[in-house]
Protein backbone atom coordinates (compact mmCIF):
# COMPACT_ATOMS: atom_id res chain seq x y z
CA UNK A 1 0.00 0.00 0.00
CA UNK A 2 1.08 3.55 -0.63
CA UNK A 3 2.59 5.85 1.96
CA UNK A 4 -0.39 8.22 1.78
CA UNK A 5 -2.76 5.38 2.64
CA UNK A 6 -0.58 4.29 5.55
CA UNK A 7 -0.33 7.84 6.90
CA UNK A 8 -4.06 8.50 6.51
CA UNK A 9 -5.02 5.32 8.35
CA UNK A 10 -4.40 7.00 11.72
CA UNK A 11 -7.22 9.47 11.10
CA UNK A 12 -9.96 6.87 10.61
CA UNK A 13 -11.40 5.73 13.91
CA UNK A 14 -13.86 3.03 14.82
CA UNK A 15 -17.40 4.29 14.17
CA UNK A 16 -16.37 7.07 11.78
CA UNK A 17 -18.59 8.01 8.86
CA UNK A 18 -16.58 9.00 5.78
CA UNK A 19 -17.87 10.76 2.67
CA UNK A 20 -15.99 10.31 -0.58
CA UNK A 21 -16.61 11.48 -4.12
CA UNK A 22 -16.54 8.70 -6.70
CA UNK A 23 -13.57 6.39 -7.20
CA UNK A 24 -10.01 7.26 -6.33
CA UNK A 25 -7.26 4.64 -6.05
CA UNK A 26 -5.48 6.22 -3.06
CA UNK A 27 -8.69 6.87 -1.13
CA UNK A 28 -9.84 3.29 -1.73
CA UNK A 29 -6.45 1.96 -0.56
CA UNK A 30 -6.65 4.03 2.60
CA UNK A 31 -10.15 2.83 3.44
CA UNK A 32 -9.41 -0.82 2.69
CA UNK A 33 -6.18 -0.65 4.73
CA UNK A 34 -8.05 0.84 7.69
CA UNK A 35 -10.78 -1.79 7.51
CA UNK A 36 -8.52 -4.82 7.16
CA UNK A 37 -5.34 -4.13 9.08
CA UNK A 38 -6.83 -2.75 12.26
CA UNK A 39 -10.29 -4.32 12.04
CA UNK A 40 -11.91 -0.91 12.35
CA UNK A 41 -15.62 -0.65 11.68
CA UNK A 42 -16.73 2.48 9.88
CA UNK A 43 -19.25 3.62 7.27
CA UNK A 44 -18.60 5.21 3.91
CA UNK A 45 -20.99 7.36 1.91
CA UNK A 46 -20.01 7.34 -1.76
CA UNK A 47 -21.39 9.80 -4.28
CA UNK A 48 -22.59 8.28 -7.50
CA UNK A 49 -20.47 10.79 -9.47
CA UNK A 50 -22.49 11.29 -12.60
CA UNK A 51 -22.18 11.23 -15.53
CA UNK A 52 -19.43 8.57 -15.51
CA UNK A 53 -20.68 6.88 -12.33
CA UNK A 54 -17.28 6.08 -10.80
CA UNK A 55 -18.91 5.88 -7.38
CA UNK A 56 -20.23 2.45 -8.34
CA UNK A 57 -16.65 1.18 -8.73
CA UNK A 58 -15.69 2.65 -5.35
CA UNK A 59 -18.72 1.10 -3.67
CA UNK A 60 -17.86 -2.30 -5.15
CA UNK A 61 -14.20 -2.15 -4.04
CA UNK A 62 -15.15 -1.12 -0.51
CA UNK A 63 -18.00 -3.65 -0.22
CA UNK A 64 -15.65 -6.47 -1.26
CA UNK A 65 -13.35 -5.40 1.60
CA UNK A 66 -16.23 -5.73 4.07
CA UNK A 67 -16.81 -2.01 4.51
CA UNK A 68 -20.38 -0.81 4.95
CA UNK A 69 -21.11 1.49 1.98
CA UNK A 70 -24.06 3.69 1.14
CA UNK A 71 -24.33 5.12 -2.35
CA UNK A 72 -25.84 8.60 -2.46
CA UNK A 73 -26.83 10.89 -5.30
CA UNK A 74 -24.46 13.75 -6.00
CA UNK A 75 -27.08 16.30 -5.03
CA UNK A 76 -27.67 14.58 -1.65
CA UNK A 77 -24.28 15.60 -0.23
CA UNK A 78 -25.59 18.65 1.65
CA UNK A 79 -28.38 16.56 3.18
CA UNK A 80 -25.89 13.88 4.31
CA UNK A 81 -23.25 16.19 5.81
CA UNK A 82 -24.77 16.20 9.29
CA UNK A 83 -23.91 12.50 9.65
CA UNK A 84 -20.38 12.76 8.20
CA UNK A 85 -17.22 12.88 10.34
CA UNK A 86 -14.72 13.37 7.52
CA UNK A 87 -14.52 13.84 3.76
CA UNK A 88 -11.81 12.11 1.73
CA UNK A 89 -11.31 13.26 -1.84
CA UNK A 90 -8.58 12.23 -4.22
CA UNK A 91 -6.87 14.87 -6.30
CA UNK A 92 -5.13 14.87 -9.65
CA UNK A 93 -3.40 18.10 -8.70
CA UNK A 94 -3.01 20.70 -5.97
CA UNK A 95 -2.57 24.42 -6.54
CA UNK A 96 -0.58 26.96 -4.54
CA UNK A 97 -3.61 28.40 -2.74
CA UNK A 98 -4.64 24.94 -1.45
CA UNK A 99 -7.19 24.25 -4.17
CA UNK A 100 -7.77 20.73 -5.45
CA UNK A 101 -8.11 19.68 -9.07
CA UNK A 102 -10.35 16.65 -9.40
CA UNK A 103 -11.91 15.45 -12.65
PDB file of N, CA and C in Angstrom:
ATOM      1  N   UNK A   1       0.839  -1.187   0.000  1.00  0.00           N
ATOM      2  CA  UNK A   1       0.000   0.000   0.000  1.00  0.00           C
ATOM      3  C   UNK A   1       0.875   1.238   0.000  1.00  0.00           C
ATOM      4  N   UNK A   2       0.324   2.310  -0.531  1.00  0.00           N
ATOM      5  CA  UNK A   2       1.077   3.545  -0.631  1.00  0.00           C
ATOM      6  C   UNK A   2       1.283   4.238   0.703  1.00  0.00           C
ATOM      7  N   UNK A   3       2.270   5.126   0.739  1.00  0.00           N
ATOM      8  CA  UNK A   3       2.589   5.854   1.960  1.00  0.00           C
ATOM      9  C   UNK A   3       1.443   6.762   2.395  1.00  0.00           C
ATOM     10  N   UNK A   4       0.737   7.347   1.436  1.00  0.00           N
ATOM     11  CA  UNK A   4      -0.387   8.220   1.780  1.00  0.00           C
ATOM     12  C   UNK A   4      -1.460   7.417   2.499  1.00  0.00           C
ATOM     13  N   UNK A   5      -1.754   6.223   2.004  1.00  0.00           N
ATOM     14  CA  UNK A   5      -2.760   5.380   2.640  1.00  0.00           C
ATOM     15  C   UNK A   5      -2.331   4.989   4.045  1.00  0.00           C
ATOM     16  N   UNK A   6      -1.070   4.667   4.225  1.00  0.00           N
ATOM     17  CA  UNK A   6      -0.579   4.289   5.549  1.00  0.00           C
ATOM     18  C   UNK A   6      -0.633   5.467   6.514  1.00  0.00           C
ATOM     19  N   UNK A   7      -0.278   6.646   6.051  1.00  0.00           N
ATOM     20  CA  UNK A   7      -0.328   7.844   6.898  1.00  0.00           C
ATOM     21  C   UNK A   7      -1.770   8.190   7.261  1.00  0.00           C
ATOM     22  N   UNK A   8      -2.666   8.126   6.295  1.00  0.00           N
ATOM     23  CA  UNK A   8      -4.059   8.496   6.514  1.00  0.00           C
ATOM     24  C   UNK A   8      -4.815   7.544   7.411  1.00  0.00           C
ATOM     25  N   UNK A   9      -4.347   6.330   7.533  1.00  0.00           N
ATOM     26  CA  UNK A   9      -5.016   5.317   8.351  1.00  0.00           C
ATOM     27  C   UNK A   9      -5.225   5.783   9.787  1.00  0.00           C
ATOM     28  N   UNK A  10      -4.307   6.554  10.328  1.00  0.00           N
ATOM     29  CA  UNK A  10      -4.399   6.997  11.716  1.00  0.00           C
ATOM     30  C   UNK A  10      -5.574   7.937  11.978  1.00  0.00           C
ATOM     31  N   UNK A  11      -6.136   8.514  10.932  1.00  0.00           N
ATOM     32  CA  UNK A  11      -7.225   9.470  11.096  1.00  0.00           C
ATOM     33  C   UNK A  11      -8.607   8.823  11.051  1.00  0.00           C
ATOM     34  N   UNK A  12      -8.668   7.560  10.679  1.00  0.00           N
ATOM     35  CA  UNK A  12      -9.957   6.872  10.610  1.00  0.00           C
ATOM     36  C   UNK A  12     -10.121   6.040  11.879  1.00  0.00           C
ATOM     37  N   UNK A  13     -11.137   6.400  12.638  1.00  0.00           N
ATOM     38  CA  UNK A  13     -11.398   5.732  13.912  1.00  0.00           C
ATOM     39  C   UNK A  13     -12.599   4.818  13.798  1.00  0.00           C
ATOM     40  N   UNK A  14     -12.720   3.919  14.743  1.00  0.00           N
ATOM     41  CA  UNK A  14     -13.865   3.034  14.816  1.00  0.00           C
ATOM     42  C   UNK A  14     -15.136   3.883  14.933  1.00  0.00           C
ATOM     43  N   UNK A  15     -16.136   3.572  14.133  1.00  0.00           N
ATOM     44  CA  UNK A  15     -17.401   4.292  14.170  1.00  0.00           C
ATOM     45  C   UNK A  15     -17.472   5.540  13.322  1.00  0.00           C
ATOM     46  N   UNK A  16     -16.408   5.874  12.621  1.00  0.00           N
ATOM     47  CA  UNK A  16     -16.365   7.067  11.779  1.00  0.00           C
ATOM     48  C   UNK A  16     -17.271   6.898  10.563  1.00  0.00           C
ATOM     49  N   UNK A  17     -17.866   7.994  10.128  1.00  0.00           N
ATOM     50  CA  UNK A  17     -18.588   8.008   8.856  1.00  0.00           C
ATOM     51  C   UNK A  17     -17.808   8.899   7.900  1.00  0.00           C
ATOM     52  N   UNK A  18     -17.411   8.327   6.776  1.00  0.00           N
ATOM     53  CA  UNK A  18     -16.585   9.004   5.782  1.00  0.00           C
ATOM     54  C   UNK A  18     -17.420   9.258   4.538  1.00  0.00           C
ATOM     55  N   UNK A  19     -17.262  10.434   3.959  1.00  0.00           N
ATOM     56  CA  UNK A  19     -17.875  10.761   2.668  1.00  0.00           C
ATOM     57  C   UNK A  19     -16.762  10.840   1.641  1.00  0.00           C
ATOM     58  N   UNK A  20     -16.961  10.206   0.496  1.00  0.00           N
ATOM     59  CA  UNK A  20     -15.987  10.312  -0.582  1.00  0.00           C
ATOM     60  C   UNK A  20     -16.723  10.520  -1.899  1.00  0.00           C
ATOM     61  N   UNK A  21     -16.015  11.120  -2.832  1.00  0.00           N
ATOM     62  CA  UNK A  21     -16.606  11.481  -4.119  1.00  0.00           C
ATOM     63  C   UNK A  21     -16.099  10.552  -5.210  1.00  0.00           C
ATOM     64  N   UNK A  22     -16.912   9.587  -5.603  1.00  0.00           N
ATOM     65  CA  UNK A  22     -16.540   8.700  -6.698  1.00  0.00           C
ATOM     66  C   UNK A  22     -15.362   7.813  -6.358  1.00  0.00           C
ATOM     67  N   UNK A  23     -14.694   7.308  -7.381  1.00  0.00           N
ATOM     68  CA  UNK A  23     -13.575   6.386  -7.201  1.00  0.00           C
ATOM     69  C   UNK A  23     -12.255   7.138  -7.244  1.00  0.00           C
ATOM     70  N   UNK A  24     -11.390   6.802  -6.319  1.00  0.00           N
ATOM     71  CA  UNK A  24     -10.011   7.256  -6.331  1.00  0.00           C
ATOM     72  C   UNK A  24      -9.168   6.121  -5.758  1.00  0.00           C
ATOM     73  N   UNK A  25      -8.096   5.774  -6.442  1.00  0.00           N
ATOM     74  CA  UNK A  25      -7.261   4.639  -6.045  1.00  0.00           C
ATOM     75  C   UNK A  25      -6.667   4.822  -4.653  1.00  0.00           C
ATOM     76  N   UNK A  26      -6.122   5.990  -4.358  1.00  0.00           N
ATOM     77  CA  UNK A  26      -5.475   6.217  -3.065  1.00  0.00           C
ATOM     78  C   UNK A  26      -6.504   6.209  -1.935  1.00  0.00           C
ATOM     79  N   UNK A  27      -7.644   6.852  -2.150  1.00  0.00           N
ATOM     80  CA  UNK A  27      -8.688   6.870  -1.133  1.00  0.00           C
ATOM     81  C   UNK A  27      -9.193   5.449  -0.873  1.00  0.00           C
ATOM     82  N   UNK A  28      -9.376   4.670  -1.929  1.00  0.00           N
ATOM     83  CA  UNK A  28      -9.841   3.293  -1.731  1.00  0.00           C
ATOM     84  C   UNK A  28      -8.794   2.468  -0.984  1.00  0.00           C
ATOM     85  N   UNK A  29      -7.509   2.664  -1.287  1.00  0.00           N
ATOM     86  CA  UNK A  29      -6.448   1.956  -0.565  1.00  0.00           C
ATOM     87  C   UNK A  29      -6.462   2.314   0.914  1.00  0.00           C
ATOM     88  N   UNK A  30      -6.612   3.574   1.210  1.00  0.00           N
ATOM     89  CA  UNK A  30      -6.647   4.028   2.596  1.00  0.00           C
ATOM     90  C   UNK A  30      -7.795   3.397   3.356  1.00  0.00           C
ATOM     91  N   UNK A  31      -8.977   3.383   2.771  1.00  0.00           N
ATOM     92  CA  UNK A  31     -10.150   2.834   3.442  1.00  0.00           C
ATOM     93  C   UNK A  31     -10.048   1.318   3.613  1.00  0.00           C
ATOM     94  N   UNK A  32      -9.574   0.633   2.593  1.00  0.00           N
ATOM     95  CA  UNK A  32      -9.413  -0.824   2.689  1.00  0.00           C
ATOM     96  C   UNK A  32      -8.342  -1.168   3.732  1.00  0.00           C
ATOM     97  N   UNK A  33      -7.242  -0.431   3.737  1.00  0.00           N
ATOM     98  CA  UNK A  33      -6.183  -0.652   4.730  1.00  0.00           C
ATOM     99  C   UNK A  33      -6.730  -0.471   6.147  1.00  0.00           C
ATOM    100  N   UNK A  34      -7.497   0.582   6.364  1.00  0.00           N
ATOM    101  CA  UNK A  34      -8.055   0.838   7.691  1.00  0.00           C
ATOM    102  C   UNK A  34      -9.013  -0.260   8.118  1.00  0.00           C
ATOM    103  N   UNK A  35      -9.792  -0.766   7.189  1.00  0.00           N
ATOM    104  CA  UNK A  35     -10.784  -1.792   7.515  1.00  0.00           C
ATOM    105  C   UNK A  35     -10.140  -3.147   7.780  1.00  0.00           C
ATOM    106  N   UNK A  36      -9.083  -3.476   7.059  1.00  0.00           N
ATOM    107  CA  UNK A  36      -8.521  -4.819   7.160  1.00  0.00           C
ATOM    108  C   UNK A  36      -7.386  -4.948   8.165  1.00  0.00           C
ATOM    109  N   UNK A  37      -6.510  -3.962   8.231  1.00  0.00           N
ATOM    110  CA  UNK A  37      -5.336  -4.125   9.084  1.00  0.00           C
ATOM    111  C   UNK A  37      -5.637  -3.912  10.560  1.00  0.00           C
ATOM    112  N   UNK A  38      -6.556  -3.064  10.865  1.00  0.00           N
ATOM    113  CA  UNK A  38      -6.835  -2.749  12.261  1.00  0.00           C
ATOM    114  C   UNK A  38      -8.221  -3.223  12.688  1.00  0.00           C
ATOM    115  N   UNK A  39      -8.904  -3.883  11.821  1.00  0.00           N
ATOM    116  CA  UNK A  39     -10.289  -4.325  12.038  1.00  0.00           C
ATOM    117  C   UNK A  39     -11.165  -3.211  12.598  1.00  0.00           C
ATOM    118  N   UNK A  40     -11.042  -2.036  12.001  1.00  0.00           N
ATOM    119  CA  UNK A  40     -11.910  -0.913  12.354  1.00  0.00           C
ATOM    120  C   UNK A  40     -13.244  -1.087  11.649  1.00  0.00           C
ATOM    121  N   UNK A  41     -14.292  -0.605  12.278  1.00  0.00           N
ATOM    122  CA  UNK A  41     -15.622  -0.651  11.680  1.00  0.00           C
ATOM    123  C   UNK A  41     -16.087   0.780  11.459  1.00  0.00           C
ATOM    124  N   UNK A  42     -16.305   1.133  10.213  1.00  0.00           N
ATOM    125  CA  UNK A  42     -16.734   2.478   9.879  1.00  0.00           C
ATOM    126  C   UNK A  42     -17.648   2.416   8.666  1.00  0.00           C
ATOM    127  N   UNK A  43     -18.311   3.529   8.393  1.00  0.00           N
ATOM    128  CA  UNK A  43     -19.253   3.624   7.275  1.00  0.00           C
ATOM    129  C   UNK A  43     -18.707   4.589   6.233  1.00  0.00           C
ATOM    130  N   UNK A  44     -19.017   4.319   4.981  1.00  0.00           N
ATOM    131  CA  UNK A  44     -18.604   5.213   3.906  1.00  0.00           C
ATOM    132  C   UNK A  44     -19.820   5.573   3.063  1.00  0.00           C
ATOM    133  N   UNK A  45     -20.004   6.868   2.858  1.00  0.00           N
ATOM    134  CA  UNK A  45     -20.991   7.364   1.907  1.00  0.00           C
ATOM    135  C   UNK A  45     -20.232   7.687   0.630  1.00  0.00           C
ATOM    136  N   UNK A  46     -20.671   7.138  -0.469  1.00  0.00           N
ATOM    137  CA  UNK A  46     -20.005   7.343  -1.758  1.00  0.00           C
ATOM    138  C   UNK A  46     -20.980   8.033  -2.702  1.00  0.00           C
ATOM    139  N   UNK A  47     -20.539   9.148  -3.278  1.00  0.00           N
ATOM    140  CA  UNK A  47     -21.389   9.800  -4.278  1.00  0.00           C
ATOM    141  C   UNK A  47     -21.357   9.002  -5.565  1.00  0.00           C
ATOM    142  N   UNK A  48     -22.466   9.025  -6.248  1.00  0.00           N
ATOM    143  CA  UNK A  48     -22.588   8.277  -7.501  1.00  0.00           C
ATOM    144  C   UNK A  48     -21.637   8.818  -8.569  1.00  0.00           C
ATOM    145  N   UNK A  49     -21.392  10.105  -8.571  1.00  0.00           N
ATOM    146  CA  UNK A  49     -20.471  10.793  -9.473  1.00  0.00           C
ATOM    147  C   UNK A  49     -20.894  10.678 -10.932  1.00  0.00           C
ATOM    148  N   UNK A  50     -22.008  11.260 -11.213  1.00  0.00           N
ATOM    149  CA  UNK A  50     -22.488  11.286 -12.601  1.00  0.00           C
ATOM    150  C   UNK A  50     -21.727  12.325 -13.394  1.00  0.00           C
ATOM    151  N   UNK A  51     -21.528  12.194 -14.666  1.00  0.00           N
ATOM    152  CA  UNK A  51     -22.182  11.227 -15.527  1.00  0.00           C
ATOM    153  C   UNK A  51     -21.431   9.895 -15.659  1.00  0.00           C
ATOM    154  N   UNK A  52     -20.149   9.836 -15.271  1.00  0.00           N
ATOM    155  CA  UNK A  52     -19.434   8.569 -15.515  1.00  0.00           C
ATOM    156  C   UNK A  52     -19.749   7.500 -14.480  1.00  0.00           C
ATOM    157  N   UNK A  53     -20.258   7.870 -13.304  1.00  0.00           N
ATOM    158  CA  UNK A  53     -20.685   6.882 -12.325  1.00  0.00           C
ATOM    159  C   UNK A  53     -19.566   6.133 -11.624  1.00  0.00           C
ATOM    160  N   UNK A  54     -18.416   6.782 -11.417  1.00  0.00           N
ATOM    161  CA  UNK A  54     -17.281   6.080 -10.801  1.00  0.00           C
ATOM    162  C   UNK A  54     -17.538   5.691  -9.350  1.00  0.00           C
ATOM    163  N   UNK A  55     -18.565   6.263  -8.746  1.00  0.00           N
ATOM    164  CA  UNK A  55     -18.914   5.880  -7.383  1.00  0.00           C
ATOM    165  C   UNK A  55     -19.310   4.416  -7.280  1.00  0.00           C
ATOM    166  N   UNK A  56     -19.855   3.862  -8.348  1.00  0.00           N
ATOM    167  CA  UNK A  56     -20.231   2.445  -8.344  1.00  0.00           C
ATOM    168  C   UNK A  56     -19.000   1.556  -8.195  1.00  0.00           C
ATOM    169  N   UNK A  57     -17.900   1.941  -8.851  1.00  0.00           N
ATOM    170  CA  UNK A  57     -16.654   1.177  -8.727  1.00  0.00           C
ATOM    171  C   UNK A  57     -16.126   1.268  -7.299  1.00  0.00           C
ATOM    172  N   UNK A  58     -16.161   2.472  -6.722  1.00  0.00           N
ATOM    173  CA  UNK A  58     -15.689   2.651  -5.350  1.00  0.00           C
ATOM    174  C   UNK A  58     -16.527   1.822  -4.390  1.00  0.00           C
ATOM    175  N   UNK A  59     -17.837   1.864  -4.546  1.00  0.00           N
ATOM    176  CA  UNK A  59     -18.724   1.096  -3.670  1.00  0.00           C
ATOM    177  C   UNK A  59     -18.428  -0.399  -3.773  1.00  0.00           C
ATOM    178  N   UNK A  60     -18.155  -0.891  -4.964  1.00  0.00           N
ATOM    179  CA  UNK A  60     -17.856  -2.305  -5.145  1.00  0.00           C
ATOM    180  C   UNK A  60     -16.547  -2.688  -4.462  1.00  0.00           C
ATOM    181  N   UNK A  61     -15.508  -1.869  -4.653  1.00  0.00           N
ATOM    182  CA  UNK A  61     -14.204  -2.145  -4.043  1.00  0.00           C
ATOM    183  C   UNK A  61     -14.322  -2.179  -2.518  1.00  0.00           C
ATOM    184  N   UNK A  62     -15.023  -1.204  -1.962  1.00  0.00           N
ATOM    185  CA  UNK A  62     -15.153  -1.124  -0.513  1.00  0.00           C
ATOM    186  C   UNK A  62     -16.030  -2.246   0.034  1.00  0.00           C
ATOM    187  N   UNK A  63     -17.110  -2.558  -0.663  1.00  0.00           N
ATOM    188  CA  UNK A  63     -17.996  -3.650  -0.223  1.00  0.00           C
ATOM    189  C   UNK A  63     -17.256  -4.977  -0.196  1.00  0.00           C
ATOM    190  N   UNK A  64     -16.432  -5.225  -1.209  1.00  0.00           N
ATOM    191  CA  UNK A  64     -15.654  -6.467  -1.264  1.00  0.00           C
ATOM    192  C   UNK A  64     -14.660  -6.565  -0.112  1.00  0.00           C
ATOM    193  N   UNK A  65     -14.266  -5.412   0.457  1.00  0.00           N
ATOM    194  CA  UNK A  65     -13.348  -5.400   1.598  1.00  0.00           C
ATOM    195  C   UNK A  65     -14.103  -5.483   2.926  1.00  0.00           C
ATOM    196  N   UNK A  66     -15.426  -5.599   2.859  1.00  0.00           N
ATOM    197  CA  UNK A  66     -16.231  -5.728   4.066  1.00  0.00           C
ATOM    198  C   UNK A  66     -16.605  -4.413   4.718  1.00  0.00           C
ATOM    199  N   UNK A  67     -16.472  -3.337   3.985  1.00  0.00           N
ATOM    200  CA  UNK A  67     -16.810  -2.010   4.506  1.00  0.00           C
ATOM    201  C   UNK A  67     -18.268  -1.711   4.193  1.00  0.00           C
ATOM    202  N   UNK A  68     -18.983  -1.167   5.168  1.00  0.00           N
ATOM    203  CA  UNK A  68     -20.384  -0.807   4.954  1.00  0.00           C
ATOM    204  C   UNK A  68     -20.432   0.476   4.118  1.00  0.00           C
ATOM    205  N   UNK A  69     -21.077   0.393   2.952  1.00  0.00           N
ATOM    206  CA  UNK A  69     -21.113   1.489   1.984  1.00  0.00           C
ATOM    207  C   UNK A  69     -22.556   1.872   1.686  1.00  0.00           C
ATOM    208  N   UNK A  70     -22.777   3.164   1.587  1.00  0.00           N
ATOM    209  CA  UNK A  70     -24.065   3.686   1.145  1.00  0.00           C
ATOM    210  C   UNK A  70     -23.818   4.593  -0.044  1.00  0.00           C
ATOM    211  N   UNK A  71     -24.443   4.277  -1.157  1.00  0.00           N
ATOM    212  CA  UNK A  71     -24.330   5.120  -2.352  1.00  0.00           C
ATOM    213  C   UNK A  71     -25.355   6.239  -2.232  1.00  0.00           C
ATOM    214  N   UNK A  72     -24.908   7.479  -2.480  1.00  0.00           N
ATOM    215  CA  UNK A  72     -25.836   8.603  -2.460  1.00  0.00           C
ATOM    216  C   UNK A  72     -25.759   9.354  -3.784  1.00  0.00           C
ATOM    217  N   UNK A  73     -26.830  10.034  -4.118  1.00  0.00           N
ATOM    218  CA  UNK A  73     -26.833  10.886  -5.303  1.00  0.00           C
ATOM    219  C   UNK A  73     -25.918  12.074  -5.058  1.00  0.00           C
ATOM    220  N   UNK A  74     -25.353  12.598  -6.119  1.00  0.00           N
ATOM    221  CA  UNK A  74     -24.457  13.746  -5.998  1.00  0.00           C
ATOM    222  C   UNK A  74     -25.132  14.924  -5.301  1.00  0.00           C
ATOM    223  N   UNK A  75     -26.395  15.149  -5.605  1.00  0.00           N
ATOM    224  CA  UNK A  75     -27.079  16.303  -5.028  1.00  0.00           C
ATOM    225  C   UNK A  75     -27.597  16.043  -3.611  1.00  0.00           C
ATOM    226  N   UNK A  76     -27.274  14.892  -3.021  1.00  0.00           N
ATOM    227  CA  UNK A  76     -27.669  14.584  -1.646  1.00  0.00           C
ATOM    228  C   UNK A  76     -26.538  14.833  -0.652  1.00  0.00           C
ATOM    229  N   UNK A  77     -25.426  15.379  -1.110  1.00  0.00           N
ATOM    230  CA  UNK A  77     -24.279  15.597  -0.231  1.00  0.00           C
ATOM    231  C   UNK A  77     -24.634  16.550   0.906  1.00  0.00           C
ATOM    232  N   UNK A  78     -25.249  17.676   0.606  1.00  0.00           N
ATOM    233  CA  UNK A  78     -25.590  18.648   1.653  1.00  0.00           C
ATOM    234  C   UNK A  78     -26.511  18.026   2.693  1.00  0.00           C
ATOM    235  N   UNK A  79     -27.457  17.230   2.271  1.00  0.00           N
ATOM    236  CA  UNK A  79     -28.382  16.555   3.177  1.00  0.00           C
ATOM    237  C   UNK A  79     -27.653  15.574   4.098  1.00  0.00           C
ATOM    238  N   UNK A  80     -26.609  14.926   3.583  1.00  0.00           N
ATOM    239  CA  UNK A  80     -25.892  13.881   4.314  1.00  0.00           C
ATOM    240  C   UNK A  80     -24.804  14.413   5.240  1.00  0.00           C
ATOM    241  N   UNK A  81     -24.396  15.664   5.071  1.00  0.00           N
ATOM    242  CA  UNK A  81     -23.246  16.195   5.809  1.00  0.00           C
ATOM    243  C   UNK A  81     -23.396  16.148   7.327  1.00  0.00           C
ATOM    244  N   UNK A  82     -24.601  16.210   7.833  1.00  0.00           N
ATOM    245  CA  UNK A  82     -24.770  16.202   9.289  1.00  0.00           C
ATOM    246  C   UNK A  82     -24.367  14.866   9.914  1.00  0.00           C
ATOM    247  N   UNK A  83     -24.302  13.813   9.126  1.00  0.00           N
ATOM    248  CA  UNK A  83     -23.909  12.503   9.652  1.00  0.00           C
ATOM    249  C   UNK A  83     -22.469  12.130   9.304  1.00  0.00           C
ATOM    250  N   UNK A  84     -21.732  13.042   8.681  1.00  0.00           N
ATOM    251  CA  UNK A  84     -20.376  12.760   8.199  1.00  0.00           C
ATOM    252  C   UNK A  84     -19.334  13.298   9.185  1.00  0.00           C
ATOM    253  N   UNK A  85     -18.320  12.466   9.469  1.00  0.00           N
ATOM    254  CA  UNK A  85     -17.216  12.883  10.340  1.00  0.00           C
ATOM    255  C   UNK A  85     -16.026  13.415   9.559  1.00  0.00           C
ATOM    256  N   UNK A  86     -15.828  12.903   8.352  1.00  0.00           N
ATOM    257  CA  UNK A  86     -14.716  13.373   7.522  1.00  0.00           C
ATOM    258  C   UNK A  86     -15.030  13.149   6.053  1.00  0.00           C
ATOM    259  N   UNK A  87     -14.379  13.957   5.213  1.00  0.00           N
ATOM    260  CA  UNK A  87     -14.517  13.843   3.761  1.00  0.00           C
ATOM    261  C   UNK A  87     -13.143  13.526   3.196  1.00  0.00           C
ATOM    262  N   UNK A  88     -13.061  12.472   2.401  1.00  0.00           N
ATOM    263  CA  UNK A  88     -11.814  12.109   1.726  1.00  0.00           C
ATOM    264  C   UNK A  88     -12.030  12.222   0.229  1.00  0.00           C
ATOM    265  N   UNK A  89     -11.195  13.049  -0.406  1.00  0.00           N
ATOM    266  CA  UNK A  89     -11.314  13.263  -1.841  1.00  0.00           C
ATOM    267  C   UNK A  89      -9.935  13.134  -2.457  1.00  0.00           C
ATOM    268  N   UNK A  90      -9.833  12.333  -3.499  1.00  0.00           N
ATOM    269  CA  UNK A  90      -8.577  12.225  -4.225  1.00  0.00           C
ATOM    270  C   UNK A  90      -8.390  13.449  -5.101  1.00  0.00           C
ATOM    271  N   UNK A  91      -7.155  13.700  -5.484  1.00  0.00           N
ATOM    272  CA  UNK A  91      -6.868  14.874  -6.304  1.00  0.00           C
ATOM    273  C   UNK A  91      -5.855  14.518  -7.382  1.00  0.00           C
ATOM    274  N   UNK A  92      -6.106  15.014  -8.577  1.00  0.00           N
ATOM    275  CA  UNK A  92      -5.126  14.870  -9.647  1.00  0.00           C
ATOM    276  C   UNK A  92      -4.053  15.938  -9.542  1.00  0.00           C
ATOM    277  N   UNK A  93      -4.374  17.029  -8.858  1.00  0.00           N
ATOM    278  CA  UNK A  93      -3.404  18.103  -8.697  1.00  0.00           C
ATOM    279  C   UNK A  93      -3.802  19.046  -7.578  1.00  0.00           C
ATOM    280  N   UNK A  94      -2.797  19.701  -7.010  1.00  0.00           N
ATOM    281  CA  UNK A  94      -3.009  20.700  -5.973  1.00  0.00           C
ATOM    282  C   UNK A  94      -2.416  22.015  -6.464  1.00  0.00           C
ATOM    283  N   UNK A  95      -3.072  23.103  -6.123  1.00  0.00           N
ATOM    284  CA  UNK A  95      -2.570  24.416  -6.543  1.00  0.00           C
ATOM    285  C   UNK A  95      -2.037  25.170  -5.337  1.00  0.00           C
ATOM    286  N   UNK A  96      -1.272  26.232  -5.598  1.00  0.00           N
ATOM    287  CA  UNK A  96      -0.584  26.963  -4.536  1.00  0.00           C
ATOM    288  C   UNK A  96      -1.495  27.453  -3.425  1.00  0.00           C
ATOM    289  N   UNK A  97      -2.710  27.842  -3.756  1.00  0.00           N
ATOM    290  CA  UNK A  97      -3.606  28.398  -2.745  1.00  0.00           C
ATOM    291  C   UNK A  97      -4.368  27.300  -1.961  1.00  0.00           C
ATOM    292  N   UNK A  98      -4.008  26.043  -2.167  1.00  0.00           N
ATOM    293  CA  UNK A  98      -4.642  24.938  -1.449  1.00  0.00           C
ATOM    294  C   UNK A  98      -5.793  24.309  -2.192  1.00  0.00           C
ATOM    295  N   UNK A  99      -6.112  24.812  -3.376  1.00  0.00           N
ATOM    296  CA  UNK A  99      -7.187  24.247  -4.168  1.00  0.00           C
ATOM    297  C   UNK A  99      -6.863  22.849  -4.677  1.00  0.00           C
ATOM    298  N   UNK A 100      -7.909  22.101  -4.970  1.00  0.00           N
ATOM    299  CA  UNK A 100      -7.770  20.730  -5.449  1.00  0.00           C
ATOM    300  C   UNK A 100      -8.336  20.646  -6.861  1.00  0.00           C
ATOM    301  N   UNK A 101      -7.613  19.939  -7.713  1.00  0.00           N
ATOM    302  CA  UNK A 101      -8.110  19.675  -9.069  1.00  0.00           C
ATOM    303  C   UNK A 101      -8.509  18.215  -9.110  1.00  0.00           C
ATOM    304  N   UNK A 102      -9.795  18.001  -9.355  1.00  0.00           N
ATOM    305  CA  UNK A 102     -10.350  16.646  -9.402  1.00  0.00           C
ATOM    306  C   UNK A 102     -11.255  16.568 -10.604  1.00  0.00           C
ATOM    307  N   UNK A 103     -11.036  15.606 -11.471  1.00  0.00           N
ATOM    308  CA  UNK A 103     -11.910  15.452 -12.645  1.00  0.00           C
ATOM    309  C   UNK A 103     -13.212  14.859 -12.274  1.00  0.00           C
TER     310      UNK A 103
END
